[in-house]
Amino acid sequence: MALRLGKELLYLCGAEVAHVGPSMEESLAAIREAFRQKGLGVAQQPPKTALHPVNEDAFLHAMPAYVPEFGAAGVKWVSGYPDNPPMHGLPYISGLLVLSDVYTGMPIAVMDCAWITAQRTGAVSGLAAQALAAPASVTAGLLGAGVQARTQLLALATAIPTLRSARVYDVAANAANRFVKDMGAVLPQFSLQIVDSAEAAVRDADIVVTAGPIRKEPQPLVRREWLKPGALGLPIDFDSMWTRSALGAGRYYVDDLEQYRYYEAQGYFRESPQPVGDLGDLSTGRVEGRQSADEVIVAMNLGVAIADMAMAAIVYQRALAAGTGTVLPL
């Protein structure tokens, strides 16, 4: 498929994005390169711009980025509305991603962003785990059993070959049941267990993932005494589920320092520790990673647009090659 630049663009619905999207192994490689470019200072990524039309916990984010290695420049317009699933039967996360031609600025693609958001968030956690998890990590503890939890576990299983089991807790028992059924089919080699409390999921876990709604006023669950020596914490819901003592139990990293500072100025992370660096710093060796097998580490995954654009560029090229999507006139 060939598009007439400046005359046409490609539209991809959610199912089409998922159909041509990269595997988790390919996603990890793409995300690793995106963060390397960030660490080298060649990728461009301003902090997110946020709107909160309903309340502080419902957001609309504009996320622009340019990643030269992928020839990708664009913006993701993504929303997160915690009340959508229980009240409206709609997804928590939804939105669109727009890619532009880097040489002319003309739009070349518009695509659903839900699959990309879930896949790249998992891949970023996988990348952090490769750099920061204790050697021979075996067990993951998951708080939250929604869409994001699935790609988190898939990414960890791909990134950490020794991982073999996961304990999952969700306030909605049916969500945990669906998670175990779905992920059991994807990862048949894994031992998956539903537990009845957050503490049961976290205690003795080598890697702890929290994947709930992002809240301006945190409702912390994870306590310092629950974390075993050598544990790696991977929050993808800001500090919503983490007490200050748990976040500050050891070395603390974020995916993007500039964005973290922006969120601090907006009133988030009011009692959080100061990061020692971000994944761009880790990828280029400007900061060190794990210092000992017993060190507790937390790596905060805020969600970054360089990851979205790297993934979107791959989706776009594969869609063109496969003739997938709808060509729309400009």
C-alpha atoms as a PDB file:
ATOM      1  CA  MET A   1       0.000   0.000   0.000  1.00  0.00           C
ATOM      2  CA  ALA A   2       1.281   3.483  -0.905  1.00  0.00           C
ATOM      3  CA  LEU A   3      -0.178   6.770   0.319  1.00  0.00           C
ATOM      4  CA  ARG A   4      -0.130  10.090  -1.486  1.00  0.00           C
ATOM      5  CA  LEU A   5       1.694  12.379   0.946  1.00  0.00           C
ATOM      6  CA  GLY A   6      -0.397  15.405   1.805  1.00  0.00           C
ATOM      7  CA  LYS A   7      -3.457  13.893   0.125  1.00  0.00           C
ATOM      8  CA  GLU A   8      -4.194  10.773   2.178  1.00  0.00           C
ATOM      9  CA  LEU A   9      -3.636   9.234   5.592  1.00  0.00           C
ATOM     10  CA  LEU A  10      -4.027   5.722   6.994  1.00  0.00           C
ATOM     11  CA  TYR A  11      -6.605   4.983   9.675  1.00  0.00           C
ATOM     12  CA  LEU A  12      -6.163   1.894  11.876  1.00  0.00           C
ATOM     13  CA  CYS A  13      -8.824   0.713  14.331  1.00  0.00           C
ATOM     14  CA  GLY A  14      -7.900  -1.091  17.533  1.00  0.00           C
ATOM     15  CA  ALA A  15      -8.172  -4.593  16.059  1.00  0.00           C
ATOM     16  CA  GLU A  16      -5.989  -3.619  13.092  1.00  0.00           C
ATOM     17  CA  VAL A  17      -3.319  -2.135  15.361  1.00  0.00           C
ATOM     18  CA  ALA A  18      -3.235  -5.305  17.449  1.00  0.00           C
ATOM     19  CA  HIS A  19      -3.114  -7.497  14.328  1.00  0.00           C
ATOM     20  CA  VAL A  20       0.045  -5.894  12.919  1.00  0.00           C
ATOM     21  CA  GLY A  21       1.595  -4.839  16.233  1.00  0.00           C
ATOM     22  CA  PRO A  22       5.021  -6.130  17.264  1.00  0.00           C
ATOM     23  CA  SER A  23       5.478  -9.096  19.589  1.00  0.00           C
ATOM     24  CA  MET A  24       6.558  -8.430  23.165  1.00  0.00           C
ATOM     25  CA  GLU A  25      10.130  -9.423  22.318  1.00  0.00           C
ATOM     26  CA  GLU A  26      10.112  -6.955  19.411  1.00  0.00           C
ATOM     27  CA  SER A  27       8.449  -4.332  21.602  1.00  0.00           C
ATOM     28  CA  LEU A  28      11.186  -4.658  24.222  1.00  0.00           C
ATOM     29  CA  ALA A  29      13.842  -4.094  21.568  1.00  0.00           C
ATOM     30  CA  ALA A  30      12.022  -1.018  20.226  1.00  0.00           C
ATOM     31  CA  ILE A  31      11.513   0.477  23.694  1.00  0.00           C
ATOM     32  CA  ARG A  32      15.149  -0.160  24.584  1.00  0.00           C
ATOM     33  CA  GLU A  33      16.247   1.811  21.521  1.00  0.00           C
ATOM     34  CA  ALA A  34      13.792   4.629  22.251  1.00  0.00           C
ATOM     35  CA  PHE A  35      15.202   5.070  25.755  1.00  0.00           C
ATOM     36  CA  ARG A  36      18.751   4.877  24.439  1.00  0.00           C
ATOM     37  CA  GLN A  37      17.930   7.761  22.102  1.00  0.00           C
ATOM     38  CA  LYS A  38      16.437   9.651  25.021  1.00  0.00           C
ATOM     39  CA  GLY A  39      19.563   9.030  27.067  1.00  0.00           C
ATOM     40  CA  LEU A  40      21.718  10.296  24.203  1.00  0.00           C
ATOM     41  CA  GLY A  41      19.612  13.454  24.011  1.00  0.00           C
ATOM     42  CA  VAL A  42      18.471  12.999  20.409  1.00  0.00           C
ATOM     43  CA  ALA A  43      14.819  12.110  21.062  1.00  0.00           C
ATOM     44  CA  GLN A  44      12.429  14.962  21.819  1.00  0.00           C
ATOM     45  CA  GLN A  45       9.741  14.530  24.467  1.00  0.00           C
ATOM     46  CA  PRO A  46       8.034  17.416  26.275  1.00  0.00           C
ATOM     47  CA  PRO A  47       6.073  16.484  29.417  1.00  0.00           C
ATOM     48  CA  LYS A  48       2.439  15.501  28.996  1.00  0.00           C
ATOM     49  CA  THR A  49      -0.223  18.187  28.927  1.00  0.00           C
ATOM     50  CA  ALA A  50      -3.187  17.203  31.088  1.00  0.00           C
ATOM     51  CA  LEU A  51      -6.877  18.086  31.306  1.00  0.00           C
ATOM     52  CA  HIS A  52      -9.231  16.918  34.067  1.00  0.00           C
ATOM     53  CA  PRO A  53     -12.777  17.647  32.817  1.00  0.00           C
ATOM     54  CA  VAL A  54     -14.698  15.568  35.384  1.00  0.00           C
ATOM     55  CA  ASN A  55     -12.450  15.212  38.430  1.00  0.00           C
ATOM     56  CA  GLU A  56      -8.762  14.922  39.310  1.00  0.00           C
ATOM     57  CA  ASP A  57      -8.728  11.180  38.719  1.00  0.00           C
ATOM     58  CA  ALA A  58     -10.119  11.356  35.167  1.00  0.00           C
ATOM     59  CA  PHE A  59      -7.560  12.652  32.694  1.00  0.00           C
ATOM     60  CA  LEU A  60      -7.027  13.583  29.065  1.00  0.00           C
ATOM     61  CA  HIS A  61      -3.340  13.694  28.085  1.00  0.00           C
ATOM     62  CA  ALA A  62      -1.610  15.119  25.027  1.00  0.00           C
ATOM     63  CA  MET A  63       1.717  13.306  24.598  1.00  0.00           C
ATOM     64  CA  PRO A  64       4.032  14.502  21.782  1.00  0.00           C
ATOM     65  CA  ALA A  65       7.404  13.008  20.894  1.00  0.00           C
ATOM     66  CA  TYR A  66       9.977  12.638  18.130  1.00  0.00           C
ATOM     67  CA  VAL A  67      12.235   9.563  17.926  1.00  0.00           C
ATOM     68  CA  PRO A  68      14.755   9.954  15.064  1.00  0.00           C
ATOM     69  CA  GLU A  69      15.809   6.291  14.833  1.00  0.00           C
ATOM     70  CA  PHE A  70      12.222   5.329  14.017  1.00  0.00           C
ATOM     71  CA  GLY A  71      11.478   8.382  11.855  1.00  0.00           C
ATOM     72  CA  ALA A  72       8.519   8.903  14.164  1.00  0.00           C
ATOM     73  CA  ALA A  73       6.974  12.207  15.165  1.00  0.00           C
ATOM     74  CA  GLY A  74       3.473  12.534  16.528  1.00  0.00           C
ATOM     75  CA  VAL A  75       1.146  12.939  19.454  1.00  0.00           C
ATOM     76  CA  LYS A  76      -1.003  10.591  21.484  1.00  0.00           C
ATOM     77  CA  TRP A  77      -4.337  11.918  22.783  1.00  0.00           C
ATOM     78  CA  VAL A  78      -5.245   9.466  25.522  1.00  0.00           C
ATOM     79  CA  SER A  79      -7.810   9.404  28.296  1.00  0.00           C
ATOM     80  CA  GLY A  80      -8.095   7.492  31.548  1.00  0.00           C
ATOM     81  CA  TYR A  81     -11.513   7.497  33.227  1.00  0.00           C
ATOM     82  CA  PRO A  82     -11.661   5.170  36.293  1.00  0.00           C
ATOM     83  CA  ASP A  83     -15.479   5.191  36.372  1.00  0.00           C
ATOM     84  CA  ASN A  84     -15.810   3.944  32.789  1.00  0.00           C
ATOM     85  CA  PRO A  85     -15.692   0.181  33.461  1.00  0.00           C
ATOM     86  CA  PRO A  86     -18.098   0.005  36.444  1.00  0.00           C
ATOM     87  CA  MET A  87     -20.509   2.750  35.399  1.00  0.00           C
ATOM     88  CA  HIS A  88     -20.550   2.699  31.597  1.00  0.00           C
ATOM     89  CA  GLY A  89     -19.059  -0.627  30.541  1.00  0.00           C
ATOM     90  CA  LEU A  90     -16.332   1.281  28.698  1.00  0.00           C
ATOM     91  CA  PRO A  91     -12.530   0.904  28.866  1.00  0.00           C
ATOM     92  CA  TYR A  92     -10.527   2.850  31.428  1.00  0.00           C
ATOM     93  CA  ILE A  93      -7.980   3.846  28.744  1.00  0.00           C
ATOM     94  CA  SER A  94      -8.915   5.073  25.256  1.00  0.00           C
ATOM     95  CA  GLY A  95      -7.645   7.497  22.645  1.00  0.00           C
ATOM     96  CA  LEU A  96      -6.009   8.117  19.306  1.00  0.00           C
ATOM     97  CA  LEU A  97      -2.441   8.500  18.100  1.00  0.00           C
ATOM     98  CA  VAL A  98      -1.464  10.744  15.166  1.00  0.00           C
ATOM     99  CA  LEU A  99       1.763  10.245  13.218  1.00  0.00           C
ATOM    100  CA  SER A 100       3.211  12.958  10.996  1.00  0.00           C
ATOM    101  CA  ASP A 101       5.803  12.845   8.243  1.00  0.00           C
ATOM    102  CA  VAL A 102       8.998  14.174   9.863  1.00  0.00           C
ATOM    103  CA  TYR A 103      10.147  16.043   6.738  1.00  0.00           C
ATOM    104  CA  THR A 104       6.942  17.857   5.770  1.00  0.00           C
ATOM    105  CA  GLY A 105       4.812  17.706   8.906  1.00  0.00           C
ATOM    106  CA  MET A 106       1.908  16.225   6.963  1.00  0.00           C
ATOM    107  CA  PRO A 107      -0.253  13.724   8.890  1.00  0.00           C
ATOM    108  CA  ILE A 108       0.255  10.182   7.632  1.00  0.00           C
ATOM    109  CA  ALA A 109      -1.668   8.027  10.106  1.00  0.00           C
ATOM    110  CA  VAL A 110      -4.336   8.062  12.798  1.00  0.00           C
ATOM    111  CA  MET A 111      -4.685   4.941  14.912  1.00  0.00           C
ATOM    112  CA  ASP A 112      -6.393   3.690  18.050  1.00  0.00           C
ATOM    113  CA  CYS A 113      -3.892   3.902  20.904  1.00  0.00           C
ATOM    114  CA  ALA A 114      -5.250   1.439  23.477  1.00  0.00           C
ATOM    115  CA  TRP A 115      -3.225  -1.599  22.332  1.00  0.00           C
ATOM    116  CA  ILE A 116      -0.059   0.466  21.904  1.00  0.00           C
ATOM    117  CA  THR A 117      -0.476   1.975  25.382  1.00  0.00           C
ATOM    118  CA  ALA A 118      -0.862  -1.423  27.028  1.00  0.00           C
ATOM    119  CA  GLN A 119       1.961  -3.055  25.037  1.00  0.00           C
ATOM    120  CA  ARG A 120       4.517  -0.306  25.509  1.00  0.00           C
ATOM    121  CA  THR A 121       3.711   0.059  29.225  1.00  0.00           C
ATOM    122  CA  GLY A 122       4.425  -3.621  29.678  1.00  0.00           C
ATOM    123  CA  ALA A 123       7.603  -3.345  27.637  1.00  0.00           C
ATOM    124  CA  VAL A 124       8.883  -0.408  29.716  1.00  0.00           C
ATOM    125  CA  SER A 125       8.389  -2.457  32.885  1.00  0.00           C
ATOM    126  CA  GLY A 126      10.160  -5.358  31.199  1.00  0.00           C
ATOM    127  CA  LEU A 127      13.079  -3.108  30.309  1.00  0.00           C
ATOM    128  CA  ALA A 128      13.258  -1.809  33.892  1.00  0.00           C
ATOM    129  CA  ALA A 129      13.172  -5.379  35.199  1.00  0.00           C
ATOM    130  CA  GLN A 130      16.037  -6.437  32.928  1.00  0.00           C
ATOM    131  CA  ALA A 131      18.136  -3.601  34.338  1.00  0.00           C
ATOM    132  CA  LEU A 132      17.037  -3.673  37.976  1.00  0.00           C
ATOM    133  CA  ALA A 133      15.513  -6.998  39.056  1.00  0.00           C
ATOM    134  CA  ALA A 134      17.443  -9.272  41.387  1.00  0.00           C
ATOM    135  CA  PRO A 135      19.220 -12.207  39.720  1.00  0.00           C
ATOM    136  CA  ALA A 136      17.084 -15.323  39.232  1.00  0.00           C
ATOM    137  CA  SER A 137      13.785 -13.615  40.095  1.00  0.00           C
ATOM    138  CA  VAL A 138      11.042 -16.259  40.160  1.00  0.00           C
ATOM    139  CA  THR A 139       7.764 -14.801  41.457  1.00  0.00           C
ATOM    140  CA  ALA A 140       5.734 -11.724  40.522  1.00  0.00           C
ATOM    141  CA  GLY A 141       3.016 -10.133  42.627  1.00  0.00           C
ATOM    142  CA  LEU A 142       0.324  -8.210  40.748  1.00  0.00           C
ATOM    143  CA  LEU A 143      -2.126  -5.747  42.277  1.00  0.00           C
ATOM    144  CA  GLY A 144      -4.799  -5.174  39.648  1.00  0.00           C
ATOM    145  CA  ALA A 145      -5.942  -7.666  37.016  1.00  0.00           C
ATOM    146  CA  GLY A 146      -7.060  -5.447  34.147  1.00  0.00           C
ATOM    147  CA  VAL A 147      -5.732  -4.884  30.637  1.00  0.00           C
ATOM    148  CA  GLN A 148      -2.414  -3.442  31.773  1.00  0.00           C
ATOM    149  CA  ALA A 149      -1.704  -6.339  34.131  1.00  0.00           C
ATOM    150  CA  ARG A 150      -1.772  -8.731  31.173  1.00  0.00           C
ATOM    151  CA  THR A 151       0.960  -6.967  29.225  1.00  0.00           C
ATOM    152  CA  GLN A 152       2.927  -6.426  32.432  1.00  0.00           C
ATOM    153  CA  LEU A 153       3.095 -10.159  33.087  1.00  0.00           C
ATOM    154  CA  LEU A 154       3.772 -10.971  29.431  1.00  0.00           C
ATOM    155  CA  ALA A 155       6.637  -8.452  29.357  1.00  0.00           C
ATOM    156  CA  LEU A 156       8.135  -9.739  32.607  1.00  0.00           C
ATOM    157  CA  ALA A 157       7.932 -13.326  31.364  1.00  0.00           C
ATOM    158  CA  THR A 158       9.704 -12.261  28.162  1.00  0.00           C
ATOM    159  CA  ALA A 159      12.334 -10.111  29.870  1.00  0.00           C
ATOM    160  CA  ILE A 160      13.117 -12.346  32.874  1.00  0.00           C
ATOM    161  CA  PRO A 161      13.520 -15.992  31.772  1.00  0.00           C
ATOM    162  CA  THR A 162      13.698 -17.274  35.366  1.00  0.00           C
ATOM    163  CA  LEU A 163      10.225 -15.933  36.236  1.00  0.00           C
ATOM    164  CA  ARG A 164       7.826 -18.843  36.703  1.00  0.00           C
ATOM    165  CA  SER A 165       4.917 -17.806  38.927  1.00  0.00           C
ATOM    166  CA  ALA A 166       2.594 -14.917  39.700  1.00  0.00           C
ATOM    167  CA  ARG A 167       0.150 -14.092  42.457  1.00  0.00           C
ATOM    168  CA  VAL A 168      -2.662 -11.705  41.571  1.00  0.00           C
ATOM    169  CA  TYR A 169      -5.023  -9.657  43.701  1.00  0.00           C
ATOM    170  CA  ASP A 170      -7.927  -7.539  42.490  1.00  0.00           C
ATOM    171  CA  VAL A 171     -10.833  -6.067  44.436  1.00  0.00           C
ATOM    172  CA  ALA A 172     -13.091  -7.549  41.732  1.00  0.00           C
ATOM    173  CA  ALA A 173     -12.900 -11.329  41.988  1.00  0.00           C
ATOM    174  CA  ASN A 174     -14.267 -11.809  38.459  1.00  0.00           C
ATOM    175  CA  ALA A 175     -11.411  -9.687  37.059  1.00  0.00           C
ATOM    176  CA  ALA A 176      -8.843 -11.898  38.789  1.00  0.00           C
ATOM    177  CA  ASN A 177     -10.584 -15.039  37.523  1.00  0.00           C
ATOM    178  CA  ARG A 178     -10.568 -13.740  33.936  1.00  0.00           C
ATOM    179  CA  PHE A 179      -6.915 -12.764  34.261  1.00  0.00           C
ATOM    180  CA  VAL A 180      -5.845 -16.235  35.376  1.00  0.00           C
ATOM    181  CA  LYS A 181      -7.891 -17.892  32.643  1.00  0.00           C
ATOM    182  CA  ASP A 182      -6.575 -15.600  29.889  1.00  0.00           C
ATOM    183  CA  MET A 183      -2.936 -15.517  30.979  1.00  0.00           C
ATOM    184  CA  GLY A 184      -2.896 -19.227  31.724  1.00  0.00           C
ATOM    185  CA  ALA A 185      -3.552 -19.791  28.027  1.00  0.00           C
ATOM    186  CA  VAL A 186      -0.817 -17.321  27.018  1.00  0.00           C
ATOM    187  CA  LEU A 187       1.765 -18.505  29.576  1.00  0.00           C
ATOM    188  CA  PRO A 188       0.999 -22.188  30.194  1.00  0.00           C
ATOM    189  CA  GLN A 189       4.386 -22.662  31.896  1.00  0.00           C
ATOM    190  CA  PHE A 190       3.417 -20.199  34.658  1.00  0.00           C
ATOM    191  CA  SER A 191       1.896 -21.012  38.014  1.00  0.00           C
ATOM    192  CA  LEU A 192      -0.870 -18.392  38.475  1.00  0.00           C
ATOM    193  CA  GLN A 193      -2.575 -17.965  41.836  1.00  0.00           C
ATOM    194  CA  ILE A 194      -5.408 -15.675  42.936  1.00  0.00           C
ATOM    195  CA  VAL A 195      -4.894 -14.355  46.464  1.00  0.00           C
ATOM    196  CA  ASP A 196      -7.332 -12.596  48.767  1.00  0.00           C
ATOM    197  CA  SER A 197      -5.275  -9.571  49.806  1.00  0.00           C
ATOM    198  CA  ALA A 198      -2.696  -7.114  48.558  1.00  0.00           C
ATOM    199  CA  GLU A 199      -0.302  -8.295  51.244  1.00  0.00           C
ATOM    200  CA  ALA A 200      -0.543 -11.902  50.074  1.00  0.00           C
ATOM    201  CA  ALA A 201       0.372 -10.820  46.538  1.00  0.00           C
ATOM    202  CA  VAL A 202       3.325  -8.696  47.614  1.00  0.00           C
ATOM    203  CA  ARG A 203       5.017 -10.719  50.368  1.00  0.00           C
ATOM    204  CA  ASP A 204       7.895 -12.869  49.085  1.00  0.00           C
ATOM    205  CA  ALA A 205       7.431 -11.610  45.503  1.00  0.00           C
ATOM    206  CA  ASP A 206      10.638 -10.831  43.625  1.00  0.00           C
ATOM    207  CA  ILE A 207       8.859  -8.300  41.393  1.00  0.00           C
ATOM    208  CA  VAL A 208       5.775  -6.327  42.456  1.00  0.00           C
ATOM    209  CA  VAL A 209       3.561  -4.600  39.882  1.00  0.00           C
ATOM    210  CA  THR A 210       0.702  -2.279  40.828  1.00  0.00           C
ATOM    211  CA  ALA A 211      -1.694  -1.645  37.953  1.00  0.00           C
ATOM    212  CA  GLY A 212      -4.691   0.247  39.275  1.00  0.00           C
ATOM    213  CA  PRO A 213      -6.219   3.640  38.436  1.00  0.00           C
ATOM    214  CA  ILE A 214      -4.034   6.730  38.866  1.00  0.00           C
ATOM    215  CA  ARG A 215      -5.349   8.877  41.711  1.00  0.00           C
ATOM    216  CA  LYS A 216      -4.380  12.415  42.688  1.00  0.00           C
ATOM    217  CA  GLU A 217      -4.992  11.499  46.333  1.00  0.00           C
ATOM    218  CA  PRO A 218      -3.251   8.140  46.838  1.00  0.00           C
ATOM    219  CA  GLN A 219      -4.912   5.235  48.640  1.00  0.00           C
ATOM    220  CA  PRO A 220      -1.711   3.374  49.554  1.00  0.00           C
ATOM    221  CA  LEU A 221      -1.658  -0.371  50.140  1.00  0.00           C
ATOM    222  CA  VAL A 222       1.932  -1.543  49.669  1.00  0.00           C
ATOM    223  CA  ARG A 223       3.926  -1.309  52.889  1.00  0.00           C
ATOM    224  CA  ARG A 224       7.684  -1.437  53.373  1.00  0.00           C
ATOM    225  CA  GLU A 225       7.542  -4.507  55.598  1.00  0.00           C
ATOM    226  CA  TRP A 226       5.800  -6.491  52.846  1.00  0.00           C
ATOM    227  CA  LEU A 227       8.746  -6.135  50.455  1.00  0.00           C
ATOM    228  CA  LYS A 228      11.315  -8.921  50.629  1.00  0.00           C
ATOM    229  CA  PRO A 229      15.061  -8.164  50.395  1.00  0.00           C
ATOM    230  CA  GLY A 230      15.948  -7.731  46.726  1.00  0.00           C
ATOM    231  CA  ALA A 231      12.388  -6.950  45.614  1.00  0.00           C
ATOM    232  CA  LEU A 232      11.761  -4.747  42.586  1.00  0.00           C
ATOM    233  CA  GLY A 233       8.644  -2.567  42.631  1.00  0.00           C
ATOM    234  CA  LEU A 234       7.107  -1.522  39.311  1.00  0.00           C
ATOM    235  CA  PRO A 235       4.212   0.904  39.823  1.00  0.00           C
ATOM    236  CA  ILE A 236       2.336   1.903  36.651  1.00  0.00           C
ATOM    237  CA  ASP A 237      -0.277   3.824  38.653  1.00  0.00           C
ATOM    238  CA  PHE A 238       1.988   6.572  40.076  1.00  0.00           C
ATOM    239  CA  ASP A 239       2.120   6.423  43.889  1.00  0.00           C
ATOM    240  CA  SER A 240      -1.562   5.518  44.150  1.00  0.00           C
ATOM    241  CA  MET A 241      -0.901   2.165  45.883  1.00  0.00           C
ATOM    242  CA  TRP A 242       2.486   2.759  47.507  1.00  0.00           C
ATOM    243  CA  THR A 243       3.204   4.152  50.960  1.00  0.00           C
ATOM    244  CA  ARG A 244       6.092   6.572  51.232  1.00  0.00           C
ATOM    245  CA  SER A 245       8.161   4.075  53.196  1.00  0.00           C
ATOM    246  CA  ALA A 246       7.692   1.453  50.465  1.00  0.00           C
ATOM    247  CA  LEU A 247       8.650   3.855  47.666  1.00  0.00           C
ATOM    248  CA  GLY A 248      11.701   4.942  49.640  1.00  0.00           C
ATOM    249  CA  ALA A 249      12.800   1.483  50.704  1.00  0.00           C
ATOM    250  CA  GLY A 250      15.899   1.649  48.482  1.00  0.00           C
ATOM    251  CA  ARG A 251      17.034   3.149  45.193  1.00  0.00           C
ATOM    252  CA  TYR A 252      14.210   4.872  43.312  1.00  0.00           C
ATOM    253  CA  TYR A 253      14.097   5.345  39.543  1.00  0.00           C
ATOM    254  CA  VAL A 254      11.572   6.798  37.100  1.00  0.00           C
ATOM    255  CA  ASP A 255      11.144   6.400  33.356  1.00  0.00           C
ATOM    256  CA  ASP A 256      11.581  10.144  32.679  1.00  0.00           C
ATOM    257  CA  LEU A 257      12.971  12.669  35.176  1.00  0.00           C
ATOM    258  CA  GLU A 258      11.674  15.752  33.353  1.00  0.00           C
ATOM    259  CA  GLN A 259       8.154  14.398  33.333  1.00  0.00           C
ATOM    260  CA  TYR A 260       8.438  13.371  36.976  1.00  0.00           C
ATOM    261  CA  ARG A 261       9.385  16.927  37.943  1.00  0.00           C
ATOM    262  CA  TYR A 262       6.388  18.202  35.971  1.00  0.00           C
ATOM    263  CA  TYR A 263       4.050  15.918  37.916  1.00  0.00           C
ATOM    264  CA  GLU A 264       5.597  16.997  41.209  1.00  0.00           C
ATOM    265  CA  ALA A 265       4.764  20.601  40.282  1.00  0.00           C
ATOM    266  CA  GLN A 266       1.172  19.511  39.571  1.00  0.00           C
ATOM    267  CA  GLY A 267       0.766  18.128  43.091  1.00  0.00           C
ATOM    268  CA  TYR A 268       1.529  14.453  42.557  1.00  0.00           C
ATOM    269  CA  PHE A 269       4.250  12.514  44.432  1.00  0.00           C
ATOM    270  CA  ARG A 270       4.078  14.896  47.381  1.00  0.00           C
ATOM    271  CA  GLU A 271       5.726  12.469  49.801  1.00  0.00           C
ATOM    272  CA  SER A 272       7.826  10.466  47.384  1.00  0.00           C
ATOM    273  CA  PRO A 273      11.623  10.079  47.465  1.00  0.00           C
ATOM    274  CA  GLN A 274      13.931  11.726  44.982  1.00  0.00           C
ATOM    275  CA  PRO A 275      14.891   9.553  41.985  1.00  0.00           C
ATOM    276  CA  VAL A 276      18.503   8.643  41.361  1.00  0.00           C
ATOM    277  CA  GLY A 277      17.883   8.713  37.599  1.00  0.00           C
ATOM    278  CA  ASP A 278      15.646   7.541  34.786  1.00  0.00           C
ATOM    279  CA  LEU A 279      15.660   4.755  32.211  1.00  0.00           C
ATOM    280  CA  GLY A 280      17.450   6.957  29.703  1.00  0.00           C
ATOM    281  CA  ASP A 281      20.242   7.431  32.240  1.00  0.00           C
ATOM    282  CA  LEU A 282      20.356   3.679  32.892  1.00  0.00           C
ATOM    283  CA  SER A 283      20.424   2.837  29.189  1.00  0.00           C
ATOM    284  CA  THR A 284      23.471   5.009  28.582  1.00  0.00           C
ATOM    285  CA  GLY A 285      25.295   4.212  31.829  1.00  0.00           C
ATOM    286  CA  ARG A 286      24.997   7.672  33.391  1.00  0.00           C
ATOM    287  CA  VAL A 287      23.551   6.129  36.540  1.00  0.00           C
ATOM    288  CA  GLU A 288      24.150   2.719  38.061  1.00  0.00           C
ATOM    289  CA  GLY A 289      21.519   0.071  38.583  1.00  0.00           C
ATOM    290  CA  ARG A 290      21.230  -2.586  41.264  1.00  0.00           C
ATOM    291  CA  GLN A 291      24.097  -2.573  43.768  1.00  0.00           C
ATOM    292  CA  SER A 292      23.359  -5.832  45.589  1.00  0.00           C
ATOM    293  CA  ALA A 293      21.055  -8.841  45.452  1.00  0.00           C
ATOM    294  CA  ASP A 294      19.284  -7.733  48.667  1.00  0.00           C
ATOM    295  CA  GLU A 295      18.682  -4.118  47.655  1.00  0.00           C
ATOM    296  CA  VAL A 296      15.032  -3.071  47.327  1.00  0.00           C
ATOM    297  CA  ILE A 297      14.403  -0.951  44.207  1.00  0.00           C
ATOM    298  CA  VAL A 298      11.334   0.851  42.881  1.00  0.00           C
ATOM    299  CA  ALA A 299      11.100   1.980  39.237  1.00  0.00           C
ATOM    300  CA  MET A 300       8.157   4.299  38.556  1.00  0.00           C
ATOM    301  CA  ASN A 301       6.610   3.930  35.083  1.00  0.00           C
ATOM    302  CA  LEU A 302       4.826   7.216  34.293  1.00  0.00           C
ATOM    303  CA  GLY A 303       4.254   6.404  30.626  1.00  0.00           C
ATOM    304  CA  VAL A 304       6.299   8.180  27.969  1.00  0.00           C
ATOM    305  CA  ALA A 305       5.517   9.301  24.432  1.00  0.00           C
ATOM    306  CA  ILE A 306       8.839   8.158  22.957  1.00  0.00           C
ATOM    307  CA  ALA A 307       7.654   4.608  23.635  1.00  0.00           C
ATOM    308  CA  ASP A 308       4.318   5.293  21.939  1.00  0.00           C
ATOM    309  CA  MET A 309       5.939   6.752  18.822  1.00  0.00           C
ATOM    310  CA  ALA A 310       8.460   3.933  18.479  1.00  0.00           C
ATOM    311  CA  MET A 311       5.627   1.414  18.607  1.00  0.00           C
ATOM    312  CA  ALA A 312       3.366   3.438  16.311  1.00  0.00           C
ATOM    313  CA  ALA A 313       6.085   3.686  13.657  1.00  0.00           C
ATOM    314  CA  ILE A 314       6.395  -0.107  13.587  1.00  0.00           C
ATOM    315  CA  VAL A 315       2.605  -0.526  13.426  1.00  0.00           C
ATOM    316  CA  TYR A 316       2.358   1.982  10.586  1.00  0.00           C
ATOM    317  CA  GLN A 317       5.058   0.377   8.438  1.00  0.00           C
ATOM    318  CA  ARG A 318       3.673  -3.110   8.955  1.00  0.00           C
ATOM    319  CA  ALA A 319       0.150  -1.956   8.166  1.00  0.00           C
ATOM    320  CA  LEU A 320       1.341  -0.435   4.880  1.00  0.00           C
ATOM    321  CA  ALA A 321       3.214  -3.615   3.994  1.00  0.00           C
ATOM    322  CA  ALA A 322       0.194  -5.794   4.796  1.00  0.00           C
ATOM    323  CA  GLY A 323      -2.396  -3.527   3.177  1.00  0.00           C
ATOM    324  CA  THR A 324      -4.148  -3.194   6.528  1.00  0.00           C
ATOM    325  CA  GLY A 325      -6.312  -0.199   7.427  1.00  0.00           C
ATOM    326  CA  THR A 326      -8.448   2.390   5.683  1.00  0.00           C
ATOM    327  CA  VAL A 327      -7.014   5.117   3.471  1.00  0.00           C
ATOM    328  CA  LEU A 328      -8.758   8.423   4.161  1.00  0.00           C
ATOM    329  CA  PRO A 329      -8.533  11.667   2.173  1.00  0.00           C
ATOM    330  CA  LEU A 330      -7.039  14.742   3.777  1.00  0.00           C
END
